[in-house]
Amino acid sequence: MADEIRMPSGIGGLVRYFDDIKSKVTMSPEFVLVLLVAVVIVEYALHNFI
């Protein structure tokens, strides 16, 4: 039989994410949605009317 390859116990593919880092810029999902709709309307108007 072939020998088994074992990984060191510290490198088991685990990733830790830290949630204590906060961004200085925060936007609500509603604001992002309204901004997206406004950009789509402006692009549509520029493409079809100008």
PDB file of N, CA and C in Angstrom:
ATOM      1  N   MET A   1       0.829  -1.187   0.000  1.00  0.00           N
ATOM      2  CA  MET A   1       0.000   0.000   0.000  1.00  0.00           C
ATOM      3  C   MET A   1       0.872   1.248   0.000  1.00  0.00           C
ATOM      4  N   ALA A   2       0.327   2.294  -0.550  1.00  0.00           N
ATOM      5  CA  ALA A   2       1.051   3.567  -0.584  1.00  0.00           C
ATOM      6  C   ALA A   2       0.944   4.262   0.763  1.00  0.00           C
ATOM      7  N   ASP A   3       1.987   5.010   1.080  1.00  0.00           N
ATOM      8  CA  ASP A   3       1.972   5.775   2.329  1.00  0.00           C
ATOM      9  C   ASP A   3       1.001   6.938   2.214  1.00  0.00           C
ATOM     10  N   GLU A   4       0.316   7.212   3.297  1.00  0.00           N
ATOM     11  CA  GLU A   4      -0.616   8.335   3.303  1.00  0.00           C
ATOM     12  C   GLU A   4       0.136   9.632   3.513  1.00  0.00           C
ATOM     13  N   ILE A   5      -0.301  10.674   2.804  1.00  0.00           N
ATOM     14  CA  ILE A   5       0.300  11.992   2.973  1.00  0.00           C
ATOM     15  C   ILE A   5      -0.564  12.754   3.956  1.00  0.00           C
ATOM     16  N   ARG A   6       0.043  13.242   5.015  1.00  0.00           N
ATOM     17  CA  ARG A   6      -0.697  13.979   6.028  1.00  0.00           C
ATOM     18  C   ARG A   6      -0.229  15.421   6.062  1.00  0.00           C
ATOM     19  N   MET A   7      -1.200  16.311   6.186  1.00  0.00           N
ATOM     20  CA  MET A   7      -0.873  17.729   6.280  1.00  0.00           C
ATOM     21  C   MET A   7      -0.588  18.084   7.736  1.00  0.00           C
ATOM     22  N   PRO A   8       0.253  19.099   7.938  1.00  0.00           N
ATOM     23  CA  PRO A   8       0.459  19.563   9.311  1.00  0.00           C
ATOM     24  C   PRO A   8      -0.863  20.058   9.900  1.00  0.00           C
ATOM     25  N   SER A   9      -1.008  19.932  11.207  1.00  0.00           N
ATOM     26  CA  SER A   9      -2.290  20.252  11.826  1.00  0.00           C
ATOM     27  C   SER A   9      -2.645  21.729  11.721  1.00  0.00           C
ATOM     28  N   GLY A  10      -1.694  22.611  11.534  1.00  0.00           N
ATOM     29  CA  GLY A  10      -1.972  24.048  11.437  1.00  0.00           C
ATOM     30  C   GLY A  10      -2.434  24.480  10.066  1.00  0.00           C
ATOM     31  N   ILE A  11      -2.305  23.658   9.062  1.00  0.00           N
ATOM     32  CA  ILE A  11      -2.655  24.041   7.688  1.00  0.00           C
ATOM     33  C   ILE A  11      -3.753  23.113   7.186  1.00  0.00           C
ATOM     34  N   GLY A  12      -4.874  23.113   7.844  1.00  0.00           N
ATOM     35  CA  GLY A  12      -5.952  22.223   7.466  1.00  0.00           C
ATOM     36  C   GLY A  12      -6.964  22.845   6.532  1.00  0.00           C
ATOM     37  N   GLY A  13      -6.654  23.972   5.900  1.00  0.00           N
ATOM     38  CA  GLY A  13      -7.579  24.624   4.998  1.00  0.00           C
ATOM     39  C   GLY A  13      -8.581  25.518   5.707  1.00  0.00           C
ATOM     40  N   LEU A  14      -8.327  25.824   6.956  1.00  0.00           N
ATOM     41  CA  LEU A  14      -9.248  26.670   7.703  1.00  0.00           C
ATOM     42  C   LEU A  14      -8.911  28.134   7.469  1.00  0.00           C
ATOM     43  N   VAL A  15      -9.931  28.925   7.250  1.00  0.00           N
ATOM     44  CA  VAL A  15      -9.755  30.357   7.042  1.00  0.00           C
ATOM     45  C   VAL A  15     -10.548  31.086   8.106  1.00  0.00           C
ATOM     46  N   ARG A  16      -9.932  32.045   8.734  1.00  0.00           N
ATOM     47  CA  ARG A  16     -10.625  32.822   9.765  1.00  0.00           C
ATOM     48  C   ARG A  16     -10.888  34.218   9.223  1.00  0.00           C
ATOM     49  N   TYR A  17     -12.115  34.649   9.331  1.00  0.00           N
ATOM     50  CA  TYR A  17     -12.504  35.988   8.916  1.00  0.00           C
ATOM     51  C   TYR A  17     -12.836  36.790  10.154  1.00  0.00           C
ATOM     52  N   PHE A  18     -12.343  38.012  10.207  1.00  0.00           N
ATOM     53  CA  PHE A  18     -12.567  38.857  11.365  1.00  0.00           C
ATOM     54  C   PHE A  18     -13.622  39.903  11.031  1.00  0.00           C
ATOM     55  N   ASP A  19     -14.663  39.974  11.839  1.00  0.00           N
ATOM     56  CA  ASP A  19     -15.747  40.919  11.623  1.00  0.00           C
ATOM     57  C   ASP A  19     -15.570  42.205  12.412  1.00  0.00           C
ATOM     58  N   ASP A  20     -14.454  42.353  13.104  1.00  0.00           N
ATOM     59  CA  ASP A  20     -14.281  43.545  13.918  1.00  0.00           C
ATOM     60  C   ASP A  20     -13.768  44.740  13.118  1.00  0.00           C
ATOM     61  N   ILE A  21     -13.461  44.552  11.835  1.00  0.00           N
ATOM     62  CA  ILE A  21     -13.003  45.655  10.990  1.00  0.00           C
ATOM     63  C   ILE A  21     -14.232  46.314  10.373  1.00  0.00           C
ATOM     64  N   LYS A  22     -14.438  47.581  10.678  1.00  0.00           N
ATOM     65  CA  LYS A  22     -15.590  48.313  10.159  1.00  0.00           C
ATOM     66  C   LYS A  22     -15.122  49.343   9.137  1.00  0.00           C
ATOM     67  N   SER A  23     -15.889  49.507   8.090  1.00  0.00           N
ATOM     68  CA  SER A  23     -15.590  50.500   7.073  1.00  0.00           C
ATOM     69  C   SER A  23     -16.035  51.880   7.542  1.00  0.00           C
ATOM     70  N   LYS A  24     -15.305  52.894   7.115  1.00  0.00           N
ATOM     71  CA  LYS A  24     -15.692  54.258   7.457  1.00  0.00           C
ATOM     72  C   LYS A  24     -16.847  54.741   6.591  1.00  0.00           C
ATOM     73  N   VAL A  25     -17.015  54.129   5.421  1.00  0.00           N
ATOM     74  CA  VAL A  25     -18.087  54.493   4.503  1.00  0.00           C
ATOM     75  C   VAL A  25     -19.143  53.391   4.556  1.00  0.00           C
ATOM     76  N   THR A  26     -20.353  53.750   4.961  1.00  0.00           N
ATOM     77  CA  THR A  26     -21.429  52.774   4.990  1.00  0.00           C
ATOM     78  C   THR A  26     -22.603  53.295   4.166  1.00  0.00           C
ATOM     79  N   MET A  27     -23.206  52.401   3.411  1.00  0.00           N
ATOM     80  CA  MET A  27     -24.367  52.749   2.598  1.00  0.00           C
ATOM     81  C   MET A  27     -25.428  51.695   2.821  1.00  0.00           C
ATOM     82  N   SER A  28     -26.654  52.131   2.872  1.00  0.00           N
ATOM     83  CA  SER A  28     -27.742  51.179   3.034  1.00  0.00           C
ATOM     84  C   SER A  28     -28.021  50.495   1.694  1.00  0.00           C
ATOM     85  N   PRO A  29     -28.574  49.300   1.724  1.00  0.00           N
ATOM     86  CA  PRO A  29     -28.909  48.616   0.472  1.00  0.00           C
ATOM     87  C   PRO A  29     -29.925  49.392  -0.370  1.00  0.00           C
ATOM     88  N   GLU A  30     -30.831  50.123   0.288  1.00  0.00           N
ATOM     89  CA  GLU A  30     -31.811  50.916  -0.447  1.00  0.00           C
ATOM     90  C   GLU A  30     -31.127  52.024  -1.245  1.00  0.00           C
ATOM     91  N   PHE A  31     -30.119  52.677  -0.655  1.00  0.00           N
ATOM     92  CA  PHE A  31     -29.395  53.735  -1.352  1.00  0.00           C
ATOM     93  C   PHE A  31     -28.666  53.183  -2.568  1.00  0.00           C
ATOM     94  N   VAL A  32     -28.054  52.030  -2.433  1.00  0.00           N
ATOM     95  CA  VAL A  32     -27.341  51.416  -3.550  1.00  0.00           C
ATOM     96  C   VAL A  32     -28.316  51.057  -4.663  1.00  0.00           C
ATOM     97  N   LEU A  33     -29.477  50.546  -4.305  1.00  0.00           N
ATOM     98  CA  LEU A  33     -30.486  50.187  -5.301  1.00  0.00           C
ATOM     99  C   LEU A  33     -30.994  51.418  -6.046  1.00  0.00           C
ATOM    100  N   VAL A  34     -31.285  52.499  -5.321  1.00  0.00           N
ATOM    101  CA  VAL A  34     -31.748  53.733  -5.950  1.00  0.00           C
ATOM    102  C   VAL A  34     -30.661  54.311  -6.855  1.00  0.00           C
ATOM    103  N   LEU A  35     -29.411  54.272  -6.412  1.00  0.00           N
ATOM    104  CA  LEU A  35     -28.304  54.763  -7.227  1.00  0.00           C
ATOM    105  C   LEU A  35     -28.155  53.942  -8.501  1.00  0.00           C
ATOM    106  N   LEU A  36     -28.309  52.637  -8.395  1.00  0.00           N
ATOM    107  CA  LEU A  36     -28.219  51.771  -9.567  1.00  0.00           C
ATOM    108  C   LEU A  36     -29.326  52.068 -10.564  1.00  0.00           C
ATOM    109  N   VAL A  37     -30.545  52.244 -10.081  1.00  0.00           N
ATOM    110  CA  VAL A  37     -31.667  52.552 -10.966  1.00  0.00           C
ATOM    111  C   VAL A  37     -31.460  53.904 -11.635  1.00  0.00           C
ATOM    112  N   ALA A  38     -30.940  54.884 -10.894  1.00  0.00           N
ATOM    113  CA  ALA A  38     -30.684  56.206 -11.470  1.00  0.00           C
ATOM    114  C   ALA A  38     -29.625  56.128 -12.567  1.00  0.00           C
ATOM    115  N   VAL A  39     -28.590  55.352 -12.367  1.00  0.00           N
ATOM    116  CA  VAL A  39     -27.545  55.210 -13.389  1.00  0.00           C
ATOM    117  C   VAL A  39     -28.101  54.528 -14.628  1.00  0.00           C
ATOM    118  N   VAL A  40     -28.934  53.524 -14.449  1.00  0.00           N
ATOM    119  CA  VAL A  40     -29.532  52.832 -15.600  1.00  0.00           C
ATOM    120  C   VAL A  40     -30.429  53.783 -16.375  1.00  0.00           C
ATOM    121  N   ILE A  41     -31.225  54.600 -15.694  1.00  0.00           N
ATOM    122  CA  ILE A  41     -32.115  55.553 -16.371  1.00  0.00           C
ATOM    123  C   ILE A  41     -31.311  56.600 -17.129  1.00  0.00           C
ATOM    124  N   VAL A  42     -30.264  57.120 -16.513  1.00  0.00           N
ATOM    125  CA  VAL A  42     -29.428  58.125 -17.190  1.00  0.00           C
ATOM    126  C   VAL A  42     -28.748  57.512 -18.404  1.00  0.00           C
ATOM    127  N   GLU A  43     -28.224  56.306 -18.286  1.00  0.00           N
ATOM    128  CA  GLU A  43     -27.582  55.676 -19.428  1.00  0.00           C
ATOM    129  C   GLU A  43     -28.586  55.395 -20.547  1.00  0.00           C
ATOM    130  N   TYR A  44     -29.771  54.958 -20.206  1.00  0.00           N
ATOM    131  CA  TYR A  44     -30.813  54.720 -21.202  1.00  0.00           C
ATOM    132  C   TYR A  44     -31.161  56.026 -21.922  1.00  0.00           C
ATOM    133  N   ALA A  45     -31.319  57.111 -21.175  1.00  0.00           N
ATOM    134  CA  ALA A  45     -31.662  58.395 -21.770  1.00  0.00           C
ATOM    135  C   ALA A  45     -30.548  58.883 -22.677  1.00  0.00           C
ATOM    136  N   LEU A  46     -29.302  58.740 -22.233  1.00  0.00           N
ATOM    137  CA  LEU A  46     -28.186  59.191 -23.082  1.00  0.00           C
ATOM    138  C   LEU A  46     -28.058  58.341 -24.338  1.00  0.00           C
ATOM    139  N   HIS A  47     -28.341  57.093 -24.234  1.00  0.00           N
ATOM    140  CA  HIS A  47     -28.205  56.212 -25.389  1.00  0.00           C
ATOM    141  C   HIS A  47     -29.324  56.443 -26.419  1.00  0.00           C
ATOM    142  N   ASN A  48     -30.529  56.724 -25.955  1.00  0.00           N
ATOM    143  CA  ASN A  48     -31.659  56.808 -26.881  1.00  0.00           C
ATOM    144  C   ASN A  48     -32.047  58.232 -27.294  1.00  0.00           C
ATOM    145  N   PHE A  49     -31.745  59.226 -26.500  1.00  0.00           N
ATOM    146  CA  PHE A  49     -32.251  60.558 -26.794  1.00  0.00           C
ATOM    147  C   PHE A  49     -31.142  61.547 -27.193  1.00  0.00           C
ATOM    148  N   ILE A  50     -29.930  61.192 -27.031  1.00  0.00           N
ATOM    149  CA  ILE A  50     -28.840  62.135 -27.389  1.00  0.00           C
ATOM    150  C   ILE A  50     -27.976  61.530 -28.472  1.00  0.00           C
TER     151      ILE A  50
END
